[in-house]
C-alpha atoms as a PDB file:
ATOM      1  CA  UNK A   1       0.015   0.007  -0.043  1.00  0.00           C
ATOM      2  CA  UNK A   2       1.283   3.485  -0.829  1.00  0.00           C
ATOM      3  CA  UNK A   3       1.788   6.236   1.708  1.00  0.00           C
ATOM      4  CA  UNK A   4      -1.714   7.526   1.302  1.00  0.00           C
ATOM      5  CA  UNK A   5      -3.396   4.224   2.127  1.00  0.00           C
ATOM      6  CA  UNK A   6      -4.648   3.470   5.593  1.00  0.00           C
ATOM      7  CA  UNK A   7      -3.597   0.488   7.626  1.00  0.00           C
ATOM      8  CA  UNK A   8      -6.988   0.369   9.282  1.00  0.00           C
ATOM      9  CA  UNK A   9      -9.964   1.766   7.364  1.00  0.00           C
ATOM     10  CA  UNK A  10     -12.472   3.588   9.493  1.00  0.00           C
ATOM     11  CA  UNK A  11     -14.855   4.949   6.879  1.00  0.00           C
ATOM     12  CA  UNK A  12     -13.429   8.401   7.062  1.00  0.00           C
ATOM     13  CA  UNK A  13     -14.510  11.009   4.640  1.00  0.00           C
ATOM     14  CA  UNK A  14     -12.582  14.056   3.416  1.00  0.00           C
ATOM     15  CA  UNK A  15     -13.137  17.031   1.115  1.00  0.00           C
ATOM     16  CA  UNK A  16     -10.634  18.173  -1.525  1.00  0.00           C
ATOM     17  CA  UNK A  17     -11.082  21.715  -2.831  1.00  0.00           C
ATOM     18  CA  UNK A  18      -9.517  23.076  -6.003  1.00  0.00           C
ATOM     19  CA  UNK A  19     -10.216  26.858  -6.106  1.00  0.00           C
ATOM     20  CA  UNK A  20      -9.155  28.985  -9.020  1.00  0.00           C
ATOM     21  CA  UNK A  21      -9.927  32.111 -10.867  1.00  0.00           C
ATOM     22  CA  UNK A  22     -12.648  30.601 -13.061  1.00  0.00           C
ATOM     23  CA  UNK A  23     -14.187  27.832 -10.997  1.00  0.00           C
ATOM     24  CA  UNK A  24     -14.112  25.789  -7.842  1.00  0.00           C
ATOM     25  CA  UNK A  25     -14.211  22.023  -7.736  1.00  0.00           C
ATOM     26  CA  UNK A  26     -14.850  19.925  -4.645  1.00  0.00           C
ATOM     27  CA  UNK A  27     -14.527  16.117  -4.326  1.00  0.00           C
ATOM     28  CA  UNK A  28     -15.958  14.097  -1.444  1.00  0.00           C
ATOM     29  CA  UNK A  29     -13.626  11.137  -0.946  1.00  0.00           C
ATOM     30  CA  UNK A  30     -13.522   8.190   1.476  1.00  0.00           C
ATOM     31  CA  UNK A  31     -10.463   6.423   2.972  1.00  0.00           C
ATOM     32  CA  UNK A  32     -10.373   3.975   0.101  1.00  0.00           C
ATOM     33  CA  UNK A  33      -9.502   6.967  -2.126  1.00  0.00           C
ATOM     34  CA  UNK A  34     -12.874   6.584  -3.843  1.00  0.00           C
ATOM     35  CA  UNK A  35     -14.729   9.721  -5.002  1.00  0.00           C
ATOM     36  CA  UNK A  36     -18.232   9.678  -3.481  1.00  0.00           C
ATOM     37  CA  UNK A  37     -19.322  13.014  -4.964  1.00  0.00           C
ATOM     38  CA  UNK A  38     -18.109  15.897  -7.019  1.00  0.00           C
ATOM     39  CA  UNK A  39     -19.402  19.401  -7.288  1.00  0.00           C
ATOM     40  CA  UNK A  40     -18.513  22.673  -9.061  1.00  0.00           C
ATOM     41  CA  UNK A  41     -19.236  26.323  -8.398  1.00  0.00           C
ATOM     42  CA  UNK A  42     -17.895  29.758  -9.318  1.00  0.00           C
ATOM     43  CA  UNK A  43     -14.370  31.195  -8.796  1.00  0.00           C
ATOM     44  CA  UNK A  44     -12.656  31.287  -5.425  1.00  0.00           C
ATOM     45  CA  UNK A  45      -9.565  33.437  -5.709  1.00  0.00           C
ATOM     46  CA  UNK A  46     -10.335  35.709  -2.812  1.00  0.00           C
ATOM     47  CA  UNK A  47      -7.734  38.187  -3.829  1.00  0.00           C
ATOM     48  CA  UNK A  48      -9.632  39.047  -7.019  1.00  0.00           C
ATOM     49  CA  UNK A  49     -13.256  38.444  -5.974  1.00  0.00           C
ATOM     50  CA  UNK A  50     -13.208  38.984  -2.186  1.00  0.00           C
ATOM     51  CA  UNK A  51     -13.612  36.702   0.735  1.00  0.00           C
ATOM     52  CA  UNK A  52     -17.444  36.639   0.814  1.00  0.00           C
ATOM     53  CA  UNK A  53     -17.772  35.569  -2.850  1.00  0.00           C
ATOM     54  CA  UNK A  54     -14.988  33.011  -2.252  1.00  0.00           C
ATOM     55  CA  UNK A  55     -16.847  31.562   0.739  1.00  0.00           C
ATOM     56  CA  UNK A  56     -19.986  31.313  -1.278  1.00  0.00           C
ATOM     57  CA  UNK A  57     -18.293  29.518  -4.109  1.00  0.00           C
ATOM     58  CA  UNK A  58     -16.570  26.952  -1.857  1.00  0.00           C
ATOM     59  CA  UNK A  59     -19.724  26.399   0.161  1.00  0.00           C
ATOM     60  CA  UNK A  60     -21.725  25.821  -3.092  1.00  0.00           C
ATOM     61  CA  UNK A  61     -19.130  23.348  -4.427  1.00  0.00           C
ATOM     62  CA  UNK A  62     -19.189  21.426  -1.167  1.00  0.00           C
ATOM     63  CA  UNK A  63     -23.004  21.357  -1.219  1.00  0.00           C
ATOM     64  CA  UNK A  64     -23.014  20.103  -4.843  1.00  0.00           C
ATOM     65  CA  UNK A  65     -20.482  17.442  -4.092  1.00  0.00           C
ATOM     66  CA  UNK A  66     -22.510  16.120  -1.134  1.00  0.00           C
ATOM     67  CA  UNK A  67     -25.678  16.240  -3.200  1.00  0.00           C
ATOM     68  CA  UNK A  68     -24.156  14.107  -5.995  1.00  0.00           C
ATOM     69  CA  UNK A  69     -23.097  11.589  -3.357  1.00  0.00           C
ATOM     70  CA  UNK A  70     -26.685  10.809  -2.597  1.00  0.00           C
ATOM     71  CA  UNK A  71     -26.073  10.080   1.073  1.00  0.00           C
ATOM     72  CA  UNK A  72     -29.300  10.464   3.073  1.00  0.00           C
ATOM     73  CA  UNK A  73     -27.672  11.282   6.504  1.00  0.00           C
ATOM     74  CA  UNK A  74     -25.328  14.152   7.170  1.00  0.00           C
ATOM     75  CA  UNK A  75     -21.832  13.307   5.908  1.00  0.00           C
ATOM     76  CA  UNK A  76     -19.086  13.175   8.517  1.00  0.00           C
ATOM     77  CA  UNK A  77     -15.998  15.142   7.313  1.00  0.00           C
ATOM     78  CA  UNK A  78     -12.792  14.258   9.063  1.00  0.00           C
ATOM     79  CA  UNK A  79     -10.347  16.353   7.029  1.00  0.00           C
ATOM     80  CA  UNK A  80     -10.292  19.110   4.386  1.00  0.00           C
ATOM     81  CA  UNK A  81      -7.670  20.333   1.905  1.00  0.00           C
ATOM     82  CA  UNK A  82      -8.131  23.630   0.165  1.00  0.00           C
ATOM     83  CA  UNK A  83      -5.708  24.252  -2.736  1.00  0.00           C
ATOM     84  CA  UNK A  84      -6.419  27.794  -3.784  1.00  0.00           C
ATOM     85  CA  UNK A  85      -4.903  30.073  -6.457  1.00  0.00           C
ATOM     86  CA  UNK A  86      -2.843  32.874  -4.985  1.00  0.00           C
ATOM     87  CA  UNK A  87      -2.487  31.285  -1.487  1.00  0.00           C
ATOM     88  CA  UNK A  88       1.138  30.988  -0.314  1.00  0.00           C
ATOM     89  CA  UNK A  89       1.870  33.627   2.228  1.00  0.00           C
ATOM     90  CA  UNK A  90       1.249  33.175   5.991  1.00  0.00           C
ATOM     91  CA  UNK A  91      -1.291  36.023   5.743  1.00  0.00           C
ATOM     92  CA  UNK A  92      -3.252  34.188   3.051  1.00  0.00           C
ATOM     93  CA  UNK A  93      -3.301  31.003   5.134  1.00  0.00           C
ATOM     94  CA  UNK A  94      -4.770  32.836   8.064  1.00  0.00           C
ATOM     95  CA  UNK A  95      -7.521  34.282   5.858  1.00  0.00           C
ATOM     96  CA  UNK A  96      -8.485  30.839   4.623  1.00  0.00           C
ATOM     97  CA  UNK A  97      -8.391  29.358   8.046  1.00  0.00           C
ATOM     98  CA  UNK A  98     -11.075  31.894   9.086  1.00  0.00           C
ATOM     99  CA  UNK A  99     -13.002  30.912   5.928  1.00  0.00           C
ATOM    100  CA  UNK A 100     -12.959  27.262   6.993  1.00  0.00           C
ATOM    101  CA  UNK A 101     -14.296  28.293  10.400  1.00  0.00           C
ATOM    102  CA  UNK A 102     -17.144  30.082   8.613  1.00  0.00           C
ATOM    103  CA  UNK A 103     -17.846  26.921   6.601  1.00  0.00           C
ATOM    104  CA  UNK A 104     -18.276  24.891   9.808  1.00  0.00           C
ATOM    105  CA  UNK A 105     -20.659  27.531  11.173  1.00  0.00           C
ATOM    106  CA  UNK A 106     -22.871  27.663   8.063  1.00  0.00           C
ATOM    107  CA  UNK A 107     -25.658  25.275   7.259  1.00  0.00           C
ATOM    108  CA  UNK A 108     -24.398  22.382   5.211  1.00  0.00           C
ATOM    109  CA  UNK A 109     -25.474  18.736   5.166  1.00  0.00           C
ATOM    110  CA  UNK A 110     -22.182  17.889   6.971  1.00  0.00           C
ATOM    111  CA  UNK A 111     -21.098  16.877  10.473  1.00  0.00           C
ATOM    112  CA  UNK A 112     -17.651  18.342  10.919  1.00  0.00           C
ATOM    113  CA  UNK A 113     -15.171  16.440  13.059  1.00  0.00           C
ATOM    114  CA  UNK A 114     -12.154  18.551  12.083  1.00  0.00           C
ATOM    115  CA  UNK A 115      -9.082  19.109  14.211  1.00  0.00           C
ATOM    116  CA  UNK A 116      -6.559  21.773  13.339  1.00  0.00           C
ATOM    117  CA  UNK A 117      -4.149  19.099  12.025  1.00  0.00           C
ATOM    118  CA  UNK A 118      -6.818  17.928   9.609  1.00  0.00           C
ATOM    119  CA  UNK A 119      -7.122  21.267   7.775  1.00  0.00           C
ATOM    120  CA  UNK A 120      -4.664  21.616   4.950  1.00  0.00           C
ATOM    121  CA  UNK A 121      -4.358  25.007   3.183  1.00  0.00           C
ATOM    122  CA  UNK A 122      -1.970  25.254   0.200  1.00  0.00           C
ATOM    123  CA  UNK A 123      -1.544  26.741  -3.216  1.00  0.00           C
ATOM    124  CA  UNK A 124      -3.125  25.167  -6.338  1.00  0.00           C
ATOM    125  CA  UNK A 125       0.258  24.029  -7.714  1.00  0.00           C
ATOM    126  CA  UNK A 126       0.698  21.494  -4.916  1.00  0.00           C
ATOM    127  CA  UNK A 127      -2.695  19.856  -5.498  1.00  0.00           C
ATOM    128  CA  UNK A 128      -2.089  19.855  -9.231  1.00  0.00           C
ATOM    129  CA  UNK A 129       1.221  17.949  -8.516  1.00  0.00           C
ATOM    130  CA  UNK A 130      -0.390  15.462  -6.145  1.00  0.00           C
ATOM    131  CA  UNK A 131      -3.458  14.874  -8.355  1.00  0.00           C
ATOM    132  CA  UNK A 132      -1.448  14.673 -11.557  1.00  0.00           C
ATOM    133  CA  UNK A 133       1.004  12.126 -10.249  1.00  0.00           C
ATOM    134  CA  UNK A 134      -1.065  10.468  -7.522  1.00  0.00           C
ATOM    135  CA  UNK A 135       1.450  11.131  -4.808  1.00  0.00           C
ATOM    136  CA  UNK A 136       3.181  14.239  -3.282  1.00  0.00           C
ATOM    137  CA  UNK A 137       6.607  13.681  -4.929  1.00  0.00           C
ATOM    138  CA  UNK A 138       7.569  14.990  -8.321  1.00  0.00           C
ATOM    139  CA  UNK A 139       7.096  18.088 -10.405  1.00  0.00           C
ATOM    140  CA  UNK A 140       4.247  19.719 -12.041  1.00  0.00           C
ATOM    141  CA  UNK A 141       4.710  22.004 -15.157  1.00  0.00           C
ATOM    142  CA  UNK A 142       1.541  24.066 -15.535  1.00  0.00           C
ATOM    143  CA  UNK A 143       1.240  26.015 -18.754  1.00  0.00           C
ATOM    144  CA  UNK A 144      -2.189  27.474 -19.387  1.00  0.00           C
ATOM    145  CA  UNK A 145      -3.071  31.144 -19.421  1.00  0.00           C
ATOM    146  CA  UNK A 146      -0.045  31.512 -17.114  1.00  0.00           C
ATOM    147  CA  UNK A 147       2.779  29.224 -16.203  1.00  0.00           C
ATOM    148  CA  UNK A 148       4.509  27.782 -13.103  1.00  0.00           C
ATOM    149  CA  UNK A 149       6.753  24.846 -12.283  1.00  0.00           C
ATOM    150  CA  UNK A 150       6.576  23.349  -8.811  1.00  0.00           C
ATOM    151  CA  UNK A 151       8.274  20.369  -7.303  1.00  0.00           C
ATOM    152  CA  UNK A 152       8.333  18.463  -4.048  1.00  0.00           C
ATOM    153  CA  UNK A 153      10.853  15.766  -3.008  1.00  0.00           C
ATOM    154  CA  UNK A 154      10.646  12.842  -0.591  1.00  0.00           C
ATOM    155  CA  UNK A 155      11.899  15.012   2.216  1.00  0.00           C
ATOM    156  CA  UNK A 156       9.124  17.425   1.755  1.00  0.00           C
ATOM    157  CA  UNK A 157      11.325  20.217   0.348  1.00  0.00           C
ATOM    158  CA  UNK A 158       9.630  22.267  -2.347  1.00  0.00           C
ATOM    159  CA  UNK A 159      10.810  24.550  -5.120  1.00  0.00           C
ATOM    160  CA  UNK A 160       8.836  26.897  -7.273  1.00  0.00           C
ATOM    161  CA  UNK A 161       9.952  28.530 -10.480  1.00  0.00           C
ATOM    162  CA  UNK A 162       7.931  31.126 -12.369  1.00  0.00           C
ATOM    163  CA  UNK A 163       4.309  31.920 -11.759  1.00  0.00           C
ATOM    164  CA  UNK A 164       5.013  35.664 -11.554  1.00  0.00           C
ATOM    165  CA  UNK A 165       2.138  36.758 -13.703  1.00  0.00           C
ATOM    166  CA  UNK A 166       1.787  38.035 -17.266  1.00  0.00           C
ATOM    167  CA  UNK A 167       3.876  41.148 -16.667  1.00  0.00           C
ATOM    168  CA  UNK A 168       6.760  39.724 -14.773  1.00  0.00           C
ATOM    169  CA  UNK A 169       6.868  36.145 -15.980  1.00  0.00           C
ATOM    170  CA  UNK A 170       4.682  33.352 -17.306  1.00  0.00           C
ATOM    171  CA  UNK A 171       7.214  32.154 -19.824  1.00  0.00           C
ATOM    172  CA  UNK A 172       5.911  29.334 -21.916  1.00  0.00           C
ATOM    173  CA  UNK A 173       2.373  30.216 -21.175  1.00  0.00           C
ATOM    174  CA  UNK A 174      -0.533  30.620 -23.630  1.00  0.00           C
ATOM    175  CA  UNK A 175      -0.474  34.351 -23.012  1.00  0.00           C
ATOM    176  CA  UNK A 176       3.260  34.517 -23.904  1.00  0.00           C
ATOM    177  CA  UNK A 177       2.847  32.398 -26.972  1.00  0.00           C
ATOM    178  CA  UNK A 178      -0.055  34.594 -28.112  1.00  0.00           C
ATOM    179  CA  UNK A 179       1.860  37.811 -27.552  1.00  0.00           C
ATOM    180  CA  UNK A 180       4.932  36.423 -29.368  1.00  0.00           C
ATOM    181  CA  UNK A 181       2.723  35.437 -32.291  1.00  0.00           C
ATOM    182  CA  UNK A 182       1.134  38.840 -32.700  1.00  0.00           C
ATOM    183  CA  UNK A 183       4.504  40.553 -32.178  1.00  0.00           C
ATOM    184  CA  UNK A 184       6.028  38.343 -34.983  1.00  0.00           C
ATOM    185  CA  UNK A 185       3.077  39.034 -37.278  1.00  0.00           C
ATOM    186  CA  UNK A 186       3.541  42.785 -36.845  1.00  0.00           C
ATOM    187  CA  UNK A 187       7.250  42.536 -37.324  1.00  0.00           C
ATOM    188  CA  UNK A 188       6.824  40.501 -40.496  1.00  0.00           C
ATOM    189  CA  UNK A 189       4.405  43.093 -41.768  1.00  0.00           C
ATOM    190  CA  UNK A 190       6.977  45.786 -41.006  1.00  0.00           C
ATOM    191  CA  UNK A 191       9.590  43.831 -42.931  1.00  0.00           C
ATOM    192  CA  UNK A 192      11.678  43.173 -39.686  1.00  0.00           C
ATOM    193  CA  UNK A 193      10.756  39.450 -39.653  1.00  0.00           C
ATOM    194  CA  UNK A 194      10.598  36.800 -42.331  1.00  0.00           C
ATOM    195  CA  UNK A 195       7.331  36.067 -43.995  1.00  0.00           C
ATOM    196  CA  UNK A 196       4.877  34.188 -41.806  1.00  0.00           C
ATOM    197  CA  UNK A 197       1.323  32.782 -42.185  1.00  0.00           C
ATOM    198  CA  UNK A 198       0.533  34.334 -38.817  1.00  0.00           C
ATOM    199  CA  UNK A 199      -0.412  37.615 -40.499  1.00  0.00           C
ATOM    200  CA  UNK A 200      -3.293  36.073 -42.407  1.00  0.00           C
ATOM    201  CA  UNK A 201      -4.116  33.693 -39.512  1.00  0.00           C
ATOM    202  CA  UNK A 202      -4.698  36.511 -37.099  1.00  0.00           C
ATOM    203  CA  UNK A 203      -6.544  38.557 -39.681  1.00  0.00           C
ATOM    204  CA  UNK A 204      -8.951  35.719 -40.487  1.00  0.00           C
ATOM    205  CA  UNK A 205      -9.478  34.695 -36.818  1.00  0.00           C
ATOM    206  CA  UNK A 206     -10.177  38.223 -35.654  1.00  0.00           C
ATOM    207  CA  UNK A 207     -11.909  39.368 -38.859  1.00  0.00           C
ATOM    208  CA  UNK A 208      -9.406  42.169 -39.435  1.00  0.00           C
ATOM    209  CA  UNK A 209      -8.914  44.115 -42.666  1.00  0.00           C
ATOM    210  CA  UNK A 210      -5.234  44.655 -41.801  1.00  0.00           C
ATOM    211  CA  UNK A 211      -2.908  43.199 -39.255  1.00  0.00           C
ATOM    212  CA  UNK A 212      -2.473  46.692 -37.933  1.00  0.00           C
ATOM    213  CA  UNK A 213      -6.000  46.488 -36.662  1.00  0.00           C
ATOM    214  CA  UNK A 214      -4.586  44.468 -33.812  1.00  0.00           C
ATOM    215  CA  UNK A 215      -4.039  47.849 -32.213  1.00  0.00           C
ATOM    216  CA  UNK A 216      -7.855  48.333 -32.044  1.00  0.00           C
ATOM    217  CA  UNK A 217      -8.410  44.809 -30.618  1.00  0.00           C
ATOM    218  CA  UNK A 218      -5.654  44.659 -28.043  1.00  0.00           C
ATOM    219  CA  UNK A 219      -5.399  48.272 -26.833  1.00  0.00           C
ATOM    220  CA  UNK A 220      -8.633  50.185 -27.573  1.00  0.00           C
ATOM    221  CA  UNK A 221     -10.962  47.279 -26.858  1.00  0.00           C
ATOM    222  CA  UNK A 222      -8.985  46.512 -23.706  1.00  0.00           C
ATOM    223  CA  UNK A 223      -8.599  42.859 -24.105  1.00  0.00           C
ATOM    224  CA  UNK A 224      -7.827  40.990 -20.836  1.00  0.00           C
ATOM    225  CA  UNK A 225      -5.124  38.355 -20.276  1.00  0.00           C
ATOM    226  CA  UNK A 226      -7.404  35.363 -20.726  1.00  0.00           C
ATOM    227  CA  UNK A 227      -8.741  36.763 -23.989  1.00  0.00           C
ATOM    228  CA  UNK A 228      -5.249  37.217 -25.304  1.00  0.00           C
ATOM    229  CA  UNK A 229      -4.089  33.794 -24.108  1.00  0.00           C
ATOM    230  CA  UNK A 230      -6.973  32.221 -26.101  1.00  0.00           C
ATOM    231  CA  UNK A 231      -5.185  33.298 -29.279  1.00  0.00           C
ATOM    232  CA  UNK A 232      -2.242  30.886 -28.596  1.00  0.00           C
ATOM    233  CA  UNK A 233      -3.889  28.113 -30.695  1.00  0.00           C
ATOM    234  CA  UNK A 234      -3.405  30.275 -33.780  1.00  0.00           C
ATOM    235  CA  UNK A 235       0.321  30.091 -33.254  1.00  0.00           C
ATOM    236  CA  UNK A 236       0.126  26.424 -32.400  1.00  0.00           C
ATOM    237  CA  UNK A 237      -1.850  25.634 -35.560  1.00  0.00           C
ATOM    238  CA  UNK A 238       0.627  27.693 -37.701  1.00  0.00           C
ATOM    239  CA  UNK A 239       3.501  25.763 -36.163  1.00  0.00           C
ATOM    240  CA  UNK A 240       1.832  22.444 -36.856  1.00  0.00           C
ATOM    241  CA  UNK A 241       1.297  23.566 -40.474  1.00  0.00           C
ATOM    242  CA  UNK A 242       5.109  24.107 -40.831  1.00  0.00           C
ATOM    243  CA  UNK A 243       5.356  27.937 -40.371  1.00  0.00           C
ATOM    244  CA  UNK A 244       9.009  28.652 -39.456  1.00  0.00           C
ATOM    245  CA  UNK A 245       8.273  31.739 -37.334  1.00  0.00           C
ATOM    246  CA  UNK A 246       5.504  29.967 -35.384  1.00  0.00           C
ATOM    247  CA  UNK A 247       7.745  27.005 -34.789  1.00  0.00           C
ATOM    248  CA  UNK A 248      10.489  29.313 -33.430  1.00  0.00           C
ATOM    249  CA  UNK A 249       7.946  30.696 -30.966  1.00  0.00           C
ATOM    250  CA  UNK A 250       6.979  27.263 -29.803  1.00  0.00           C
ATOM    251  CA  UNK A 251      10.559  26.198 -29.557  1.00  0.00           C
ATOM    252  CA  UNK A 252      11.264  29.203 -27.394  1.00  0.00           C
ATOM    253  CA  UNK A 253       8.350  28.329 -25.136  1.00  0.00           C
ATOM    254  CA  UNK A 254       9.689  24.773 -24.776  1.00  0.00           C
ATOM    255  CA  UNK A 255      13.168  26.071 -23.909  1.00  0.00           C
ATOM    256  CA  UNK A 256      11.726  28.241 -21.102  1.00  0.00           C
ATOM    257  CA  UNK A 257       9.672  25.452 -19.651  1.00  0.00           C
ATOM    258  CA  UNK A 258      12.653  23.028 -19.855  1.00  0.00           C
ATOM    259  CA  UNK A 259      14.911  25.621 -18.161  1.00  0.00           C
ATOM    260  CA  UNK A 260      12.312  26.088 -15.368  1.00  0.00           C
ATOM    261  CA  UNK A 261      11.871  22.371 -14.885  1.00  0.00           C
ATOM    262  CA  UNK A 262      15.647  21.758 -14.873  1.00  0.00           C
ATOM    263  CA  UNK A 263      16.013  24.421 -12.196  1.00  0.00           C
ATOM    264  CA  UNK A 264      13.515  22.633  -9.992  1.00  0.00           C
ATOM    265  CA  UNK A 265      15.267  19.203 -10.515  1.00  0.00           C
ATOM    266  CA  UNK A 266      18.663  20.646  -9.712  1.00  0.00           C
ATOM    267  CA  UNK A 267      17.328  22.428  -6.595  1.00  0.00           C
ATOM    268  CA  UNK A 268      15.619  19.562  -4.796  1.00  0.00           C
ATOM    269  CA  UNK A 269      16.392  16.247  -6.463  1.00  0.00           C
ATOM    270  CA  UNK A 270      19.694  14.354  -6.679  1.00  0.00           C
ATOM    271  CA  UNK A 271      21.493  13.476  -9.936  1.00  0.00           C
ATOM    272  CA  UNK A 272      19.798  10.686 -11.842  1.00  0.00           C
ATOM    273  CA  UNK A 273      16.692  10.802  -9.630  1.00  0.00           C
ATOM    274  CA  UNK A 274      13.856   8.649 -10.878  1.00  0.00           C
ATOM    275  CA  UNK A 275      10.777  10.936 -10.867  1.00  0.00           C
ATOM    276  CA  UNK A 276       7.752  11.958 -12.820  1.00  0.00           C
ATOM    277  CA  UNK A 277       6.998  15.291 -14.316  1.00  0.00           C
ATOM    278  CA  UNK A 278       3.310  15.979 -14.883  1.00  0.00           C
ATOM    279  CA  UNK A 279       2.236  18.563 -17.476  1.00  0.00           C
ATOM    280  CA  UNK A 280      -1.029  20.457 -17.012  1.00  0.00           C
ATOM    281  CA  UNK A 281      -2.752  23.282 -18.817  1.00  0.00           C
ATOM    282  CA  UNK A 282      -4.032  24.190 -22.279  1.00  0.00           C
ATOM    283  CA  UNK A 283      -0.625  24.632 -23.900  1.00  0.00           C
ATOM    284  CA  UNK A 284       0.091  20.910 -23.789  1.00  0.00           C
ATOM    285  CA  UNK A 285      -3.049  20.159 -25.783  1.00  0.00           C
ATOM    286  CA  UNK A 286      -1.786  21.773 -28.915  1.00  0.00           C
ATOM    287  CA  UNK A 287      -1.364  20.150 -32.366  1.00  0.00           C
ATOM    288  CA  UNK A 288       2.299  21.079 -32.906  1.00  0.00           C
ATOM    289  CA  UNK A 289       3.710  18.335 -30.667  1.00  0.00           C
ATOM    290  CA  UNK A 290       4.867  20.760 -27.953  1.00  0.00           C
ATOM    291  CA  UNK A 291       4.464  18.004 -25.262  1.00  0.00           C
ATOM    292  CA  UNK A 292       6.624  15.700 -27.305  1.00  0.00           C
ATOM    293  CA  UNK A 293       9.245  18.426 -27.809  1.00  0.00           C
ATOM    294  CA  UNK A 294       9.416  19.189 -24.088  1.00  0.00           C
ATOM    295  CA  UNK A 295       9.508  15.573 -23.026  1.00  0.00           C
ATOM    296  CA  UNK A 296      12.379  14.797 -25.499  1.00  0.00           C
ATOM    297  CA  UNK A 297      14.379  17.772 -24.162  1.00  0.00           C
ATOM    298  CA  UNK A 298      13.835  16.798 -20.514  1.00  0.00           C
ATOM    299  CA  UNK A 299      14.640  13.162 -21.028  1.00  0.00           C
ATOM    300  CA  UNK A 300      17.780  14.100 -22.986  1.00  0.00           C
ATOM    301  CA  UNK A 301      19.005  16.038 -19.964  1.00  0.00           C
ATOM    302  CA  UNK A 302      17.567  13.731 -17.253  1.00  0.00           C
ATOM    303  CA  UNK A 303      17.225  10.147 -18.577  1.00  0.00           C
ATOM    304  CA  UNK A 304      15.476   8.915 -15.434  1.00  0.00           C
ATOM    305  CA  UNK A 305      12.669  11.451 -15.635  1.00  0.00           C
ATOM    306  CA  UNK A 306       9.248  10.396 -17.105  1.00  0.00           C
ATOM    307  CA  UNK A 307       6.958  13.156 -18.449  1.00  0.00           C
ATOM    308  CA  UNK A 308       3.297  12.311 -18.141  1.00  0.00           C
ATOM    309  CA  UNK A 309      -0.168  13.745 -18.482  1.00  0.00           C
ATOM    310  CA  UNK A 310      -2.205  14.038 -15.230  1.00  0.00           C
ATOM    311  CA  UNK A 311      -3.630  10.828 -13.753  1.00  0.00           C
ATOM    312  CA  UNK A 312      -6.262  12.668 -11.656  1.00  0.00           C
ATOM    313  CA  UNK A 313      -7.603  16.176 -11.381  1.00  0.00           C
ATOM    314  CA  UNK A 314      -6.258  18.718  -8.760  1.00  0.00           C
ATOM    315  CA  UNK A 315      -9.298  18.415  -6.541  1.00  0.00           C
ATOM    316  CA  UNK A 316      -8.512  14.700  -6.190  1.00  0.00           C
ATOM    317  CA  UNK A 317      -4.963  15.718  -5.199  1.00  0.00           C
ATOM    318  CA  UNK A 318      -6.396  17.904  -2.506  1.00  0.00           C
ATOM    319  CA  UNK A 319      -8.463  14.947  -1.280  1.00  0.00           C
ATOM    320  CA  UNK A 320      -5.343  12.807  -1.089  1.00  0.00           C
ATOM    321  CA  UNK A 321      -3.548  15.498   0.963  1.00  0.00           C
ATOM    322  CA  UNK A 322      -6.553  15.724   3.237  1.00  0.00           C
ATOM    323  CA  UNK A 323      -6.492  11.897   3.671  1.00  0.00           C
ATOM    324  CA  UNK A 324      -2.846  12.004   4.574  1.00  0.00           C
ATOM    325  CA  UNK A 325      -3.656  14.033   7.684  1.00  0.00           C
ATOM    326  CA  UNK A 326      -5.963  11.289   8.999  1.00  0.00           C
ATOM    327  CA  UNK A 327      -2.986   8.847   9.119  1.00  0.00           C
ATOM    328  CA  UNK A 328      -0.750  11.008  11.355  1.00  0.00           C
END
């Protein structure tokens, strides 16, 4: 049995919460690691939507998870893990602890039996790692709208690289790829870059008369980060079709993600460590073989490393971390 399994099963139930900027997912899990119920609700990044709205989203996600479990009596909850976006500092953890207290005071079809040691509060990178691999050791390379690389070793030491947001970082992210694609298209139109299909691709996708009309879209219409990041598939498709400029952009993204991952490996793992690297986020779903390019580069540098797609979702990882507290 692995380190999450229990030597004596006492029908304990836990909640795993994955709270992000777009939605909140809750899983109700028993001590056999079986998901009894799953619920979703709105966003729960309290730094952007406020603590009251965050509380409401988490409460709704819990309620929906319990409802789908179809358990007639109140569910006994022995532990909870909340993996929330933007939570990392001590001050953040205190805010979420108060939120958990509010949850216990509110009306939910739950009997709480929580002790302080059974409340886990962490950032969403850790639960993505644990859910993606199925254990709390390894590395997660998240490349979606933004990007971050996070690792944890057998001794519990962690290392984070990146995740500094679209202004200060997010190399290898969908946002960075989209920005690089538009920049290359404009440079090509200027004559500063070689010819690229990205000019026509962006014009067609955005219904522009001229590539110069990107000014209107990006600046005057005030596009937000997620809207810009959603243009990354244009670059991906152009790369898959053989466009040299687009492929250079993808190669640059791969290099940044490989560099970040290598930094984590060097920081907390020994040479020739056998470990798994799980890749999460929209960037890895592209058609230009970015996942294969990344995996090949990592394995070339670290032959014992295996690059995988997630085995489970982050909320499940949160449930596993909650279960771990019941064994202590």
